[in-house]
All heavy atoms as atom14 arrays in JSON, in Angstrom:
{
  "sequence": "RRVIFASARECPAGISKAEAELLFRIKDATLYEANCPDWSDLFVQG",
  "atom14_mask": [
    [1, 1, 1, 1, 1, 1, 1, 1, 1, 1, 1, 0, 0, 0],
    [1, 1, 1, 1, 1, 1, 1, 1, 1, 1, 1, 0, 0, 0],
    [1, 1, 1, 1, 1, 1, 1, 0, 0, 0, 0, 0, 0, 0],
    [1, 1, 1, 1, 1, 1, 1, 1, 0, 0, 0, 0, 0, 0],
    [1, 1, 1, 1, 1, 1, 1, 1, 1, 1, 1, 0, 0, 0],
    [1, 1, 1, 1, 1, 0, 0, 0, 0, 0, 0, 0, 0, 0],
    [1, 1, 1, 1, 1, 1, 0, 0, 0, 0, 0, 0, 0, 0],
    [1, 1, 1, 1, 1, 0, 0, 0, 0, 0, 0, 0, 0, 0],
    [1, 1, 1, 1, 1, 1, 1, 1, 1, 1, 1, 0, 0, 0],
    [1, 1, 1, 1, 1, 1, 1, 1, 1, 0, 0, 0, 0, 0],
    [1, 1, 1, 1, 1, 1, 0, 0, 0, 0, 0, 0, 0, 0],
    [1, 1, 1, 1, 1, 1, 1, 0, 0, 0, 0, 0, 0, 0],
    [1, 1, 1, 1, 1, 0, 0, 0, 0, 0, 0, 0, 0, 0],
    [1, 1, 1, 1, 0, 0, 0, 0, 0, 0, 0, 0, 0, 0],
    [1, 1, 1, 1, 1, 1, 1, 1, 0, 0, 0, 0, 0, 0],
    [1, 1, 1, 1, 1, 1, 0, 0, 0, 0, 0, 0, 0, 0],
    [1, 1, 1, 1, 1, 1, 1, 1, 1, 0, 0, 0, 0, 0],
    [1, 1, 1, 1, 1, 0, 0, 0, 0, 0, 0, 0, 0, 0],
    [1, 1, 1, 1, 1, 1, 1, 1, 1, 0, 0, 0, 0, 0],
    [1, 1, 1, 1, 1, 0, 0, 0, 0, 0, 0, 0, 0, 0],
    [1, 1, 1, 1, 1, 1, 1, 1, 1, 0, 0, 0, 0, 0],
    [1, 1, 1, 1, 1, 1, 1, 1, 0, 0, 0, 0, 0, 0],
    [1, 1, 1, 1, 1, 1, 1, 1, 0, 0, 0, 0, 0, 0],
    [1, 1, 1, 1, 1, 1, 1, 1, 1, 1, 1, 0, 0, 0],
    [1, 1, 1, 1, 1, 1, 1, 1, 1, 1, 1, 0, 0, 0],
    [1, 1, 1, 1, 1, 1, 1, 1, 0, 0, 0, 0, 0, 0],
    [1, 1, 1, 1, 1, 1, 1, 1, 1, 0, 0, 0, 0, 0],
    [1, 1, 1, 1, 1, 1, 1, 1, 0, 0, 0, 0, 0, 0],
    [1, 1, 1, 1, 1, 0, 0, 0, 0, 0, 0, 0, 0, 0],
    [1, 1, 1, 1, 1, 1, 1, 0, 0, 0, 0, 0, 0, 0],
    [1, 1, 1, 1, 1, 1, 1, 1, 0, 0, 0, 0, 0, 0],
    [1, 1, 1, 1, 1, 1, 1, 1, 1, 1, 1, 1, 0, 0],
    [1, 1, 1, 1, 1, 1, 1, 1, 1, 0, 0, 0, 0, 0],
    [1, 1, 1, 1, 1, 0, 0, 0, 0, 0, 0, 0, 0, 0],
    [1, 1, 1, 1, 1, 1, 1, 1, 0, 0, 0, 0, 0, 0],
    [1, 1, 1, 1, 1, 1, 0, 0, 0, 0, 0, 0, 0, 0],
    [1, 1, 1, 1, 1, 1, 1, 0, 0, 0, 0, 0, 0, 0],
    [1, 1, 1, 1, 1, 1, 1, 1, 0, 0, 0, 0, 0, 0],
    [1, 1, 1, 1, 1, 1, 1, 1, 1, 1, 1, 1, 1, 1],
    [1, 1, 1, 1, 1, 1, 0, 0, 0, 0, 0, 0, 0, 0],
    [1, 1, 1, 1, 1, 1, 1, 1, 0, 0, 0, 0, 0, 0],
    [1, 1, 1, 1, 1, 1, 1, 1, 0, 0, 0, 0, 0, 0],
    [1, 1, 1, 1, 1, 1, 1, 1, 1, 1, 1, 0, 0, 0],
    [1, 1, 1, 1, 1, 1, 1, 0, 0, 0, 0, 0, 0, 0],
    [1, 1, 1, 1, 1, 1, 1, 1, 1, 0, 0, 0, 0, 0],
    [1, 1, 1, 1, 0, 0, 0, 0, 0, 0, 0, 0, 0, 0]
  ],
  "atom14_positions": [
    [[92.4, 107.53, 89.3], [93.39, 107.91, 90.2], [92.87, 109.09, 91.19], [93.19, 108.99, 92.36], [94.64, 108.44, 89.39], [95.84, 108.89, 90.34], [96.97, 109.41, 89.5], [97.55, 108.42, 88.64], [98.47, 107.53, 89.1], [98.8, 107.54, 90.35], [98.92, 106.59, 88.24], [0.0, 0.0, 0.0], [0.0, 0.0, 0.0], [0.0, 0.0, 0.0]],
    [[92.2, 109.97, 90.62], [91.72, 111.06, 91.46], [90.72, 110.64, 92.5], [90.85, 111.01, 93.73], [91.14, 112.17, 90.53], [92.11, 112.82, 89.8], [91.49, 113.61, 88.59], [90.56, 114.61, 89.05], [89.64, 115.2, 88.3], [89.51, 114.87, 86.99], [88.81, 116.16, 88.76], [0.0, 0.0, 0.0], [0.0, 0.0, 0.0], [0.0, 0.0, 0.0]],
    [[89.83, 109.76, 92.16], [88.87, 109.26, 93.13], [89.52, 108.38, 94.18], [89.27, 108.46, 95.42], [87.75, 108.47, 92.44], [86.79, 107.9, 93.48], [86.91, 109.41, 91.53], [0.0, 0.0, 0.0], [0.0, 0.0, 0.0], [0.0, 0.0, 0.0], [0.0, 0.0, 0.0], [0.0, 0.0, 0.0], [0.0, 0.0, 0.0], [0.0, 0.0, 0.0]],
    [[90.36, 107.36, 93.68], [90.96, 106.46, 94.65], [91.91, 107.1, 95.6], [91.84, 106.89, 96.81], [91.66, 105.35, 93.89], [90.6, 104.43, 93.19], [92.57, 104.51, 94.79], [91.19, 103.39, 92.33], [0.0, 0.0, 0.0], [0.0, 0.0, 0.0], [0.0, 0.0, 0.0], [0.0, 0.0, 0.0], [0.0, 0.0, 0.0], [0.0, 0.0, 0.0]],
    [[92.74, 108.04, 95.14], [93.62, 108.65, 96.07], [93.01, 109.76, 96.85], [93.62, 110.17, 97.93], [94.91, 109.0, 95.32], [95.76, 107.78, 95.03], [95.79, 107.29, 93.67], [96.44, 107.14, 95.96], [96.53, 106.18, 93.38], [97.21, 105.95, 95.68], [97.21, 105.58, 94.38], [0.0, 0.0, 0.0], [0.0, 0.0, 0.0], [0.0, 0.0, 0.0]],
    [[91.93, 110.33, 96.41], [91.2, 111.33, 97.25], [90.59, 110.56, 98.4], [90.57, 110.99, 99.56], [90.14, 111.94, 96.45], [0.0, 0.0, 0.0], [0.0, 0.0, 0.0], [0.0, 0.0, 0.0], [0.0, 0.0, 0.0], [0.0, 0.0, 0.0], [0.0, 0.0, 0.0], [0.0, 0.0, 0.0], [0.0, 0.0, 0.0], [0.0, 0.0, 0.0]],
    [[90.14, 109.27, 98.12], [89.53, 108.43, 99.13], [90.65, 108.05, 100.19], [90.4, 108.07, 101.46], [88.98, 107.12, 98.55], [88.05, 107.4, 97.64], [0.0, 0.0, 0.0], [0.0, 0.0, 0.0], [0.0, 0.0, 0.0], [0.0, 0.0, 0.0], [0.0, 0.0, 0.0], [0.0, 0.0, 0.0], [0.0, 0.0, 0.0], [0.0, 0.0, 0.0]],
    [[91.84, 107.78, 99.72], [92.9, 107.4, 100.62], [93.29, 108.54, 101.48], [93.66, 108.3, 102.66], [94.12, 106.95, 99.77], [0.0, 0.0, 0.0], [0.0, 0.0, 0.0], [0.0, 0.0, 0.0], [0.0, 0.0, 0.0], [0.0, 0.0, 0.0], [0.0, 0.0, 0.0], [0.0, 0.0, 0.0], [0.0, 0.0, 0.0], [0.0, 0.0, 0.0]],
    [[93.19, 109.85, 100.96], [93.5, 110.98, 101.78], [92.53, 111.14, 102.92], [92.85, 111.51, 104.07], [93.42, 112.27, 100.83], [93.62, 113.51, 101.58], [93.05, 114.71, 100.75], [91.55, 114.54, 100.72], [90.84, 115.24, 99.85], [91.4, 116.07, 99.05], [89.55, 115.08, 99.87], [0.0, 0.0, 0.0], [0.0, 0.0, 0.0], [0.0, 0.0, 0.0]],
    [[91.27, 110.79, 102.69], [90.18, 110.97, 103.61], [90.02, 109.94, 104.63], [89.78, 110.12, 105.8], [88.95, 111.21, 102.84], [87.64, 111.28, 103.69], [86.38, 111.25, 102.85], [86.4, 111.66, 101.7], [85.35, 110.78, 103.34], [0.0, 0.0, 0.0], [0.0, 0.0, 0.0], [0.0, 0.0, 0.0], [0.0, 0.0, 0.0], [0.0, 0.0, 0.0]],
    [[90.18, 108.69, 104.2], [89.85, 107.52, 105.03], [91.03, 106.96, 105.79], [92.09, 106.74, 105.23], [89.35, 106.37, 104.11], [87.9, 106.86, 103.08], [0.0, 0.0, 0.0], [0.0, 0.0, 0.0], [0.0, 0.0, 0.0], [0.0, 0.0, 0.0], [0.0, 0.0, 0.0], [0.0, 0.0, 0.0], [0.0, 0.0, 0.0], [0.0, 0.0, 0.0]],
    [[90.91, 106.68, 107.09], [91.98, 106.14, 107.85], [92.46, 104.85, 107.31], [93.61, 104.43, 107.44], [91.33, 105.96, 109.23], [90.23, 107.0, 109.32], [89.7, 107.08, 107.92], [0.0, 0.0, 0.0], [0.0, 0.0, 0.0], [0.0, 0.0, 0.0], [0.0, 0.0, 0.0], [0.0, 0.0, 0.0], [0.0, 0.0, 0.0], [0.0, 0.0, 0.0]],
    [[91.57, 104.08, 106.71], [91.96, 102.72, 106.12], [92.62, 102.87, 104.76], [92.98, 101.92, 104.2], [90.76, 101.88, 106.0], [0.0, 0.0, 0.0], [0.0, 0.0, 0.0], [0.0, 0.0, 0.0], [0.0, 0.0, 0.0], [0.0, 0.0, 0.0], [0.0, 0.0, 0.0], [0.0, 0.0, 0.0], [0.0, 0.0, 0.0], [0.0, 0.0, 0.0]],
    [[92.78, 104.11, 104.27], [93.39, 104.22, 102.96], [92.52, 103.77, 101.85], [91.29, 103.84, 101.86], [0.0, 0.0, 0.0], [0.0, 0.0, 0.0], [0.0, 0.0, 0.0], [0.0, 0.0, 0.0], [0.0, 0.0, 0.0], [0.0, 0.0, 0.0], [0.0, 0.0, 0.0], [0.0, 0.0, 0.0], [0.0, 0.0, 0.0], [0.0, 0.0, 0.0]],
    [[93.05, 103.17, 100.87], [92.32, 102.61, 99.75], [91.57, 101.35, 100.3], [92.2, 100.47, 100.95], [93.31, 102.25, 98.64], [93.86, 103.49, 97.95], [92.55, 101.31, 97.52], [94.84, 103.26, 96.89], [0.0, 0.0, 0.0], [0.0, 0.0, 0.0], [0.0, 0.0, 0.0], [0.0, 0.0, 0.0], [0.0, 0.0, 0.0], [0.0, 0.0, 0.0]],
    [[90.37, 101.24, 99.86], [89.52, 100.12, 100.44], [89.68, 98.88, 99.6], [90.19, 98.84, 98.55], [88.04, 100.56, 100.44], [87.58, 100.57, 99.08], [0.0, 0.0, 0.0], [0.0, 0.0, 0.0], [0.0, 0.0, 0.0], [0.0, 0.0, 0.0], [0.0, 0.0, 0.0], [0.0, 0.0, 0.0], [0.0, 0.0, 0.0], [0.0, 0.0, 0.0]],
    [[89.16, 97.82, 100.29], [89.23, 96.5, 99.64], [88.41, 96.53, 98.35], [88.79, 96.04, 97.33], [88.7, 95.45, 100.58], [88.53, 94.03, 100.01], [87.97, 93.09, 101.03], [87.87, 91.72, 100.5], [87.25, 90.77, 101.53], [0.0, 0.0, 0.0], [0.0, 0.0, 0.0], [0.0, 0.0, 0.0], [0.0, 0.0, 0.0], [0.0, 0.0, 0.0]],
    [[87.24, 97.16, 98.43], [86.35, 97.27, 97.23], [87.04, 98.03, 96.05], [86.88, 97.62, 94.94], [85.02, 97.96, 97.6], [0.0, 0.0, 0.0], [0.0, 0.0, 0.0], [0.0, 0.0, 0.0], [0.0, 0.0, 0.0], [0.0, 0.0, 0.0], [0.0, 0.0, 0.0], [0.0, 0.0, 0.0], [0.0, 0.0, 0.0], [0.0, 0.0, 0.0]],
    [[87.8, 99.04, 96.44], [88.53, 99.81, 95.37], [89.67, 98.98, 94.78], [89.9, 99.06, 93.59], [88.99, 101.17, 95.92], [87.95, 102.03, 96.31], [88.35, 103.24, 97.19], [89.42, 103.19, 97.83], [87.54, 104.19, 97.3], [0.0, 0.0, 0.0], [0.0, 0.0, 0.0], [0.0, 0.0, 0.0], [0.0, 0.0, 0.0], [0.0, 0.0, 0.0]],
    [[90.4, 98.21, 95.63], [91.46, 97.38, 95.13], [90.87, 96.26, 94.22], [91.48, 95.98, 93.2], [92.18, 96.74, 96.33], [0.0, 0.0, 0.0], [0.0, 0.0, 0.0], [0.0, 0.0, 0.0], [0.0, 0.0, 0.0], [0.0, 0.0, 0.0], [0.0, 0.0, 0.0], [0.0, 0.0, 0.0], [0.0, 0.0, 0.0], [0.0, 0.0, 0.0]],
    [[89.73, 95.75, 94.6], [89.13, 94.7, 93.76], [88.61, 95.28, 92.53], [88.65, 94.56, 91.38], [88.01, 94.03, 94.55], [88.51, 93.16, 95.72], [87.41, 92.5, 96.5], [86.19, 92.91, 96.36], [87.72, 91.67, 97.37], [0.0, 0.0, 0.0], [0.0, 0.0, 0.0], [0.0, 0.0, 0.0], [0.0, 0.0, 0.0], [0.0, 0.0, 0.0]],
    [[88.15, 96.56, 92.44], [87.74, 97.18, 91.24], [88.99, 97.25, 90.24], [88.84, 97.06, 89.09], [87.19, 98.52, 91.48], [86.87, 99.41, 90.29], [85.52, 100.14, 90.52], [87.92, 100.42, 89.96], [0.0, 0.0, 0.0], [0.0, 0.0, 0.0], [0.0, 0.0, 0.0], [0.0, 0.0, 0.0], [0.0, 0.0, 0.0], [0.0, 0.0, 0.0]],
    [[90.15, 97.58, 90.81], [91.39, 97.69, 89.99], [91.67, 96.38, 89.35], [92.12, 96.29, 88.16], [92.58, 98.2, 90.78], [92.53, 99.63, 91.25], [93.61, 99.94, 92.22], [92.4, 100.6, 90.11], [0.0, 0.0, 0.0], [0.0, 0.0, 0.0], [0.0, 0.0, 0.0], [0.0, 0.0, 0.0], [0.0, 0.0, 0.0], [0.0, 0.0, 0.0]],
    [[91.55, 95.27, 90.11], [91.78, 93.96, 89.57], [90.75, 93.66, 88.43], [91.12, 93.02, 87.4], [91.75, 92.87, 90.64], [93.06, 92.56, 91.23], [93.54, 93.3, 92.33], [93.88, 91.6, 90.7], [94.8, 92.98, 92.85], [95.2, 91.3, 91.23], [95.65, 92.01, 92.29], [0.0, 0.0, 0.0], [0.0, 0.0, 0.0], [0.0, 0.0, 0.0]],
    [[89.49, 93.96, 88.63], [88.47, 93.67, 87.61], [88.79, 94.46, 86.3], [88.64, 93.84, 85.21], [87.08, 94.09, 88.14], [86.58, 93.19, 89.29], [85.05, 93.32, 89.42], [84.65, 94.71, 89.66], [84.58, 95.26, 90.92], [84.81, 94.49, 91.97], [84.19, 96.52, 91.1], [0.0, 0.0, 0.0], [0.0, 0.0, 0.0], [0.0, 0.0, 0.0]],
    [[89.17, 95.7, 86.46], [89.47, 96.42, 85.25], [90.75, 95.81, 84.56], [90.74, 95.82, 83.35], [89.67, 97.94, 85.56], [88.37, 98.56, 86.07], [90.31, 98.7, 84.47], [88.48, 99.96, 86.43], [0.0, 0.0, 0.0], [0.0, 0.0, 0.0], [0.0, 0.0, 0.0], [0.0, 0.0, 0.0], [0.0, 0.0, 0.0], [0.0, 0.0, 0.0]],
    [[91.69, 95.45, 85.37], [92.9, 94.82, 84.82], [92.51, 93.66, 84.0], [92.99, 93.47, 82.84], [93.9, 94.45, 85.88], [95.12, 93.59, 85.35], [95.85, 93.01, 86.55], [95.11, 91.87, 87.2], [94.83, 90.68, 86.33], [0.0, 0.0, 0.0], [0.0, 0.0, 0.0], [0.0, 0.0, 0.0], [0.0, 0.0, 0.0], [0.0, 0.0, 0.0]],
    [[91.66, 92.75, 84.58], [91.31, 91.51, 83.86], [90.59, 91.87, 82.54], [90.66, 91.19, 81.56], [90.46, 90.6, 84.78], [91.32, 89.99, 85.93], [92.5, 89.96, 85.78], [90.7, 89.66, 86.9], [0.0, 0.0, 0.0], [0.0, 0.0, 0.0], [0.0, 0.0, 0.0], [0.0, 0.0, 0.0], [0.0, 0.0, 0.0], [0.0, 0.0, 0.0]],
    [[89.69, 92.93, 82.59], [88.89, 93.28, 81.47], [89.72, 93.82, 80.32], [89.18, 93.81, 79.23], [87.74, 94.25, 81.89], [0.0, 0.0, 0.0], [0.0, 0.0, 0.0], [0.0, 0.0, 0.0], [0.0, 0.0, 0.0], [0.0, 0.0, 0.0], [0.0, 0.0, 0.0], [0.0, 0.0, 0.0], [0.0, 0.0, 0.0], [0.0, 0.0, 0.0]],
    [[90.85, 94.44, 80.65], [91.58, 95.14, 79.6], [93.02, 94.6, 79.38], [93.85, 95.1, 78.75], [91.85, 96.58, 80.04], [92.59, 96.62, 81.36], [90.51, 97.33, 80.27], [0.0, 0.0, 0.0], [0.0, 0.0, 0.0], [0.0, 0.0, 0.0], [0.0, 0.0, 0.0], [0.0, 0.0, 0.0], [0.0, 0.0, 0.0], [0.0, 0.0, 0.0]],
    [[93.18, 93.32, 79.91], [94.53, 92.78, 79.87], [95.21, 92.72, 78.52], [96.42, 92.93, 78.39], [94.38, 91.27, 80.42], [95.77, 90.68, 80.78], [96.54, 91.5, 81.84], [95.46, 89.23, 81.39], [0.0, 0.0, 0.0], [0.0, 0.0, 0.0], [0.0, 0.0, 0.0], [0.0, 0.0, 0.0], [0.0, 0.0, 0.0], [0.0, 0.0, 0.0]],
    [[94.45, 92.4, 77.49], [95.05, 92.21, 76.11], [94.75, 93.39, 75.23], [94.74, 93.25, 74.0], [94.61, 90.93, 75.61], [95.0, 89.74, 76.48], [94.01, 89.02, 77.2], [96.34, 89.35, 76.61], [94.4, 87.99, 77.98], [96.68, 88.25, 77.45], [95.68, 87.6, 78.09], [96.02, 86.56, 78.91], [0.0, 0.0, 0.0], [0.0, 0.0, 0.0]],
    [[94.38, 94.52, 75.8], [94.01, 95.67, 75.02], [95.09, 96.72, 74.95], [96.07, 96.64, 75.73], [92.68, 96.36, 75.65], [91.51, 95.46, 75.7], [90.85, 95.29, 74.4], [91.24, 95.81, 73.41], [89.92, 94.41, 74.36], [0.0, 0.0, 0.0], [0.0, 0.0, 0.0], [0.0, 0.0, 0.0], [0.0, 0.0, 0.0], [0.0, 0.0, 0.0]],
    [[94.99, 97.76, 74.09], [95.92, 98.78, 74.04], [95.6, 99.85, 75.12], [94.63, 100.64, 74.97], [95.85, 99.42, 72.63], [0.0, 0.0, 0.0], [0.0, 0.0, 0.0], [0.0, 0.0, 0.0], [0.0, 0.0, 0.0], [0.0, 0.0, 0.0], [0.0, 0.0, 0.0], [0.0, 0.0, 0.0], [0.0, 0.0, 0.0], [0.0, 0.0, 0.0]],
    [[96.19, 99.76, 76.24], [95.87, 100.54, 77.4], [96.67, 101.79, 77.48], [97.88, 101.85, 77.04], [95.96, 99.78, 78.72], [95.04, 98.57, 78.78], [93.87, 98.72, 78.42], [95.52, 97.47, 79.18], [0.0, 0.0, 0.0], [0.0, 0.0, 0.0], [0.0, 0.0, 0.0], [0.0, 0.0, 0.0], [0.0, 0.0, 0.0], [0.0, 0.0, 0.0]],
    [[96.23, 102.81, 78.25], [96.99, 103.99, 78.5], [98.3, 103.53, 79.29], [98.23, 102.74, 80.2], [96.08, 104.94, 79.38], [97.02, 106.25, 80.24], [0.0, 0.0, 0.0], [0.0, 0.0, 0.0], [0.0, 0.0, 0.0], [0.0, 0.0, 0.0], [0.0, 0.0, 0.0], [0.0, 0.0, 0.0], [0.0, 0.0, 0.0], [0.0, 0.0, 0.0]],
    [[99.44, 104.09, 78.99], [100.66, 103.73, 79.63], [100.67, 103.92, 81.14], [101.3, 103.18, 81.85], [101.69, 104.57, 78.94], [101.16, 105.01, 77.61], [99.67, 105.05, 77.84], [0.0, 0.0, 0.0], [0.0, 0.0, 0.0], [0.0, 0.0, 0.0], [0.0, 0.0, 0.0], [0.0, 0.0, 0.0], [0.0, 0.0, 0.0], [0.0, 0.0, 0.0]],
    [[99.87, 104.89, 81.61], [99.91, 105.16, 83.07], [98.97, 104.17, 83.86], [99.0, 104.19, 85.05], [99.3, 106.55, 83.35], [100.25, 107.62, 82.89], [101.47, 107.45, 82.75], [99.81, 108.71, 82.57], [0.0, 0.0, 0.0], [0.0, 0.0, 0.0], [0.0, 0.0, 0.0], [0.0, 0.0, 0.0], [0.0, 0.0, 0.0], [0.0, 0.0, 0.0]],
    [[98.29, 103.28, 83.15], [97.47, 102.3, 83.82], [98.26, 101.39, 84.69], [97.83, 101.08, 85.82], [96.55, 101.57, 82.8], [95.95, 100.31, 83.38], [96.15, 99.02, 82.95], [95.06, 100.23, 84.42], [95.39, 98.09, 83.63], [94.71, 98.89, 84.6], [94.43, 101.14, 85.32], [93.84, 98.43, 85.6], [93.56, 100.65, 86.29], [93.3, 99.31, 86.5]],
    [[99.35, 100.9, 84.25], [100.14, 99.92, 84.94], [100.59, 100.5, 86.37], [100.51, 99.91, 87.37], [101.35, 99.41, 84.22], [102.19, 100.58, 83.83], [0.0, 0.0, 0.0], [0.0, 0.0, 0.0], [0.0, 0.0, 0.0], [0.0, 0.0, 0.0], [0.0, 0.0, 0.0], [0.0, 0.0, 0.0], [0.0, 0.0, 0.0], [0.0, 0.0, 0.0]],
    [[100.99, 101.8, 86.32], [101.39, 102.46, 87.46], [100.19, 102.53, 88.57], [100.34, 102.25, 89.76], [101.9, 103.85, 87.25], [103.33, 103.99, 86.72], [103.8, 102.84, 86.3], [103.91, 105.03, 86.65], [0.0, 0.0, 0.0], [0.0, 0.0, 0.0], [0.0, 0.0, 0.0], [0.0, 0.0, 0.0], [0.0, 0.0, 0.0], [0.0, 0.0, 0.0]],
    [[99.09, 102.91, 88.0], [97.9, 103.17, 88.9], [97.56, 101.76, 89.49], [97.24, 101.71, 90.7], [96.72, 103.7, 88.08], [95.4, 103.8, 88.92], [95.54, 104.67, 90.12], [94.35, 104.37, 88.0], [0.0, 0.0, 0.0], [0.0, 0.0, 0.0], [0.0, 0.0, 0.0], [0.0, 0.0, 0.0], [0.0, 0.0, 0.0], [0.0, 0.0, 0.0]],
    [[97.51, 100.67, 88.73], [97.11, 99.43, 89.22], [98.01, 98.97, 90.34], [97.53, 98.62, 91.42], [97.14, 98.36, 88.07], [96.89, 96.99, 88.62], [95.68, 96.48, 89.02], [98.07, 96.12, 88.84], [95.49, 95.18, 89.49], [97.88, 94.85, 89.28], [96.62, 94.38, 89.65], [0.0, 0.0, 0.0], [0.0, 0.0, 0.0], [0.0, 0.0, 0.0]],
    [[99.3, 99.03, 90.13], [100.2, 98.58, 91.18], [100.22, 99.51, 92.39], [100.23, 99.02, 93.49], [101.68, 98.44, 90.6], [102.68, 98.05, 91.67], [101.69, 97.43, 89.47], [0.0, 0.0, 0.0], [0.0, 0.0, 0.0], [0.0, 0.0, 0.0], [0.0, 0.0, 0.0], [0.0, 0.0, 0.0], [0.0, 0.0, 0.0], [0.0, 0.0, 0.0]],
    [[100.21, 100.78, 92.15], [100.14, 101.73, 93.27], [98.89, 101.53, 94.14], [98.94, 101.44, 95.38], [100.17, 103.16, 92.77], [101.48, 103.62, 92.31], [101.41, 105.03, 91.68], [100.4, 105.44, 91.19], [102.52, 105.78, 91.66], [0.0, 0.0, 0.0], [0.0, 0.0, 0.0], [0.0, 0.0, 0.0], [0.0, 0.0, 0.0], [0.0, 0.0, 0.0]],
    [[97.78, 101.39, 93.49], [96.52, 101.25, 94.34], [96.42, 99.93, 94.99], [96.13, 99.9, 96.18], [0.0, 0.0, 0.0], [0.0, 0.0, 0.0], [0.0, 0.0, 0.0], [0.0, 0.0, 0.0], [0.0, 0.0, 0.0], [0.0, 0.0, 0.0], [0.0, 0.0, 0.0], [0.0, 0.0, 0.0], [0.0, 0.0, 0.0], [0.0, 0.0, 0.0]]
  ]
}
């Protein structure tokens, strides 16, 4: 969260395509695991 939204603060384009794709990769890798409750918010927000 800190890296992605720090990037959004700095970059005119906001969150980048590469960062959004990273969120999807992590989602797929952890889909059936016991995840931190805040992960769902971060994924959708990002």
